[in-house]
Protein backbone atom coordinates (compact mmCIF):
# COMPACT_ATOMS: atom_id res chain seq x y z
CA MET A 1 95.20 119.60 105.21
CA GLY A 2 94.15 117.44 108.13
CA GLY A 3 96.45 116.45 110.92
CA PRO A 4 99.74 117.91 112.08
CA HIS A 5 102.32 119.23 109.64
CA PRO A 6 106.02 118.43 109.63
CA PRO A 7 107.93 121.20 111.41
CA GLY A 8 110.32 123.51 109.59
CA LEU A 9 108.62 123.65 106.21
CA SER A 10 109.01 126.82 104.20
CA PHE A 11 106.00 128.70 102.91
CA GLN A 12 106.72 127.37 99.40
CA GLN A 13 106.91 123.77 100.65
CA MET A 14 103.62 124.17 102.53
CA MET A 15 101.97 125.65 99.44
CA LEU A 16 103.24 122.79 97.27
CA ARG A 17 101.98 120.23 99.80
CA SER A 18 98.61 122.01 99.93
CA LEU A 19 98.28 122.07 96.14
CA VAL A 20 99.18 118.39 95.79
CA PHE A 21 96.79 117.45 98.59
CA LEU A 22 93.95 119.50 97.06
CA ALA A 23 94.57 117.97 93.63
CA LEU A 24 94.30 114.53 95.20
CA LEU A 25 91.01 115.46 96.87
CA VAL A 26 89.54 116.94 93.70
CA ALA A 27 90.46 113.96 91.53
CA PRO A 28 89.90 110.82 93.62
CA VAL A 29 89.94 108.61 90.54
CA ALA A 30 93.55 109.71 89.94
CA TRP A 31 94.75 108.40 93.32
CA ALA A 32 92.77 105.19 93.31
CA ARG A 33 90.56 103.92 90.54
CA ASP A 34 87.62 103.80 92.87
CA ALA A 35 86.48 102.74 96.30
CA ALA A 36 86.35 99.12 95.15
CA GLU A 37 90.10 99.12 94.44
CA MET A 38 90.86 100.54 97.87
CA ARG A 39 88.57 97.99 99.57
CA PHE A 40 90.21 95.21 97.57
CA ALA A 41 93.73 96.29 98.54
CA ARG A 42 92.66 96.61 102.16
CA GLN A 43 91.22 93.06 102.15
CA VAL A 44 94.35 91.62 100.55
CA LEU A 45 96.65 93.31 103.07
CA GLU A 46 94.43 92.48 106.04
CA SER A 47 94.61 88.81 105.05
CA LEU A 48 98.43 88.99 105.23
CA GLN A 49 98.92 90.96 108.46
CA ALA A 50 99.03 88.05 110.97
CA ARG A 51 101.31 85.96 108.75
CA SER A 52 103.60 88.95 108.26
CA PHE A 53 103.82 89.62 112.01
CA GLU A 54 104.44 85.99 112.89
CA ALA A 55 107.23 85.54 110.32
CA ASN A 56 108.49 89.14 110.66
CA ARG A 57 108.70 89.26 106.89
CA GLU A 58 107.19 91.43 104.21
CA TYR A 59 104.57 89.85 101.96
CA CYS A 60 103.97 91.47 98.60
CA GLY A 61 102.21 91.24 95.28
CA ILE A 62 100.61 93.12 92.44
CA ILE A 63 97.01 94.23 91.82
CA GLY A 64 95.59 94.32 88.33
CA ILE A 65 92.43 93.96 86.36
CA THR A 66 91.29 91.01 84.26
CA GLU A 67 89.87 90.99 80.76
CA ASP A 68 86.35 90.87 82.23
CA ASN A 69 87.07 93.92 84.42
CA ARG A 70 87.59 92.11 87.77
CA LEU A 71 90.21 93.13 90.30
CA VAL A 72 92.82 90.44 90.85
CA ALA A 73 95.88 90.13 93.09
CA SER A 74 98.91 87.98 92.49
CA LYS A 75 99.69 85.17 94.91
CA PRO A 76 101.47 86.90 97.81
CA ARG A 77 105.20 86.31 97.93
CA ARG A 78 107.11 86.08 101.20
CA GLY A 79 110.00 88.51 101.20
CA ARG A 80 112.71 89.50 103.62
CA ARG A 81 112.48 91.66 106.72
CA ASP A 82 112.68 94.85 104.69
CA SER A 83 112.16 93.94 101.04
CA CYS A 84 110.01 91.85 98.74
CA ARG A 85 109.82 91.22 95.00
CA PRO A 86 106.23 90.70 93.85
CA ARG A 87 104.88 88.40 91.17
CA ASP A 88 102.47 89.62 88.52
CA PRO A 89 98.93 88.19 88.57
CA ARG A 90 98.70 85.75 85.67
CA SER A 91 95.16 86.68 84.71
CA ALA A 92 95.70 90.46 84.68
CA VAL A 93 95.55 92.36 81.43
CA GLU A 94 96.51 95.59 83.18
CA ILE A 95 98.66 96.05 86.28
CA PHE A 96 98.26 99.23 88.29
CA ALA A 97 99.32 98.79 91.93
CA SER A 98 101.72 96.94 94.19
CA PHE A 99 100.93 95.86 97.73
CA HIS A 100 103.10 94.86 100.65
CA THR A 101 103.15 94.49 104.40
CA HIS A 102 105.91 95.89 106.59
CA GLY A 103 106.45 92.75 108.68
CA GLY A 104 106.29 92.57 112.45
CA PHE A 105 107.03 95.36 114.89
CA ASP A 106 110.75 96.02 115.25
CA GLU A 107 111.93 98.91 117.41
CA ARG A 108 114.97 99.28 115.12
CA ALA A 109 112.82 99.97 112.05
CA ASP A 110 110.65 102.98 111.25
CA SER A 111 108.01 100.78 109.64
CA GLU A 112 104.92 102.92 110.28
CA VAL A 113 105.43 104.92 107.08
CA PRO A 114 106.25 103.77 103.55
CA SER A 115 109.96 104.04 102.80
CA SER A 116 111.53 106.14 100.07
CA VAL A 117 112.45 102.81 98.41
CA ASP A 118 108.75 101.85 98.41
CA VAL A 119 107.88 105.06 96.58
CA GLN A 120 110.81 104.91 94.18
CA GLY A 121 110.03 101.28 93.29
CA ASP A 122 106.44 102.12 92.38
CA MET A 123 107.63 105.16 90.44
CA GLU A 124 110.10 103.05 88.44
CA ASP A 125 107.40 100.47 87.73
CA GLY A 126 104.91 103.16 86.70
CA ILE A 127 102.29 102.00 89.21
CA ASP A 128 100.76 103.01 92.53
CA GLY A 129 101.02 101.03 95.75
CA TYR A 130 99.45 100.04 99.05
CA VAL A 131 101.42 99.43 102.25
CA SER A 132 100.26 98.05 105.60
CA THR A 133 102.20 98.53 108.84
CA PRO A 134 102.66 96.69 112.15
CA GLY A 135 100.56 99.39 113.79
CA GLY A 136 97.66 98.59 111.46
CA ARG A 137 97.95 101.64 109.21
CA LEU A 138 97.08 101.50 105.51
CA TRP A 139 98.96 103.79 103.12
CA PHE A 140 98.51 104.71 99.47
CA VAL A 141 101.61 105.37 97.36
CA ASP A 142 101.02 107.61 94.34
CA GLY A 143 103.75 106.41 92.01
CA GLN A 144 103.27 109.28 89.60
CA ALA A 145 103.19 112.20 92.06
CA ALA A 146 105.79 110.65 94.45
CA VAL A 147 103.59 111.18 97.52
CA VAL A 148 102.05 108.90 100.13
CA TRP A 149 99.10 109.34 102.44
CA GLN A 150 97.32 107.33 105.07
CA ILE A 151 94.07 105.82 103.96
CA CYS A 152 93.45 104.94 107.61
CA GLY A 153 95.47 105.20 110.80
CA VAL A 154 96.63 103.05 113.70
CA GLY A 155 94.44 100.01 114.23
CA CYS A 156 92.38 100.20 111.03
CA LEU A 157 93.99 96.89 110.03
CA SER A 158 95.15 94.11 112.34
CA GLN A 159 97.93 95.28 114.61
CA ASP A 160 101.02 93.41 115.78
CA PRO A 161 100.52 92.64 119.51
CA ASP A 162 104.09 93.86 120.09
CA PHE A 163 103.45 97.25 118.42
CA ARG A 164 104.52 100.32 120.40
CA PRO A 165 103.61 103.68 118.87
CA GLY A 166 105.75 106.79 118.71
CA LEU A 167 109.29 105.41 118.71
CA TYR A 168 110.20 107.43 115.63
CA GLY A 169 108.18 110.53 116.43
CA PRO A 170 104.85 111.59 115.03
CA VAL A 171 103.47 109.96 111.90
CA TYR A 172 101.86 112.50 109.58
CA GLU A 173 98.97 111.79 107.23
CA PHE A 174 100.86 112.80 104.09
CA TYR A 175 104.48 112.77 102.91
CA THR A 176 106.32 113.72 99.74
CA LEU A 177 109.26 111.59 98.65
CA ASP A 178 111.64 114.33 99.85
CA GLU A 179 109.98 114.31 103.29
CA LEU A 180 110.38 110.54 103.52
CA LEU A 181 114.06 110.86 102.60
CA GLU A 182 114.46 113.53 105.27
CA ARG A 183 112.69 111.36 107.86
CA GLU A 184 114.99 108.43 107.03
CA SER A 185 118.11 110.58 107.41
CA GLN A 186 117.28 111.54 111.01
């Protein structure tokens, strides 16, 4: 796997992470329908970054597909500083992913990674998700496998001018739900 690994993992945990990561590489359609979906999610989130930073609020919504096979996003809903309840796109016949920003930079919040609540929400809804951060990262949440990974790192999306990296330690490229819970408990 690329990038640094969280310290203190047992051999079994590393093997499980490796197997999950390899499965995701071998079956790209399983983690995102295709490159068009990822580009679409990236465009939607990029369009919300500045508004999210300025208001220091999450903005969220749902991505689906229409009857004529077009990707569609719901109208973004303004949430709170650390939560947001999306609307469904009216024209979608199938819903498959959520999206949300993480608001503006706040040194009291570890907002450069998806939260365990982000993952659990997508799992409960039976969908995947996309999350953008104040540092300009874009994450994919696999709601079935309960894992997240960076699609692209710091600065790949617009970045909050107040962003300061590294306040909560290193940000890895891949996390399981258990690893997110452990990160949040520290």
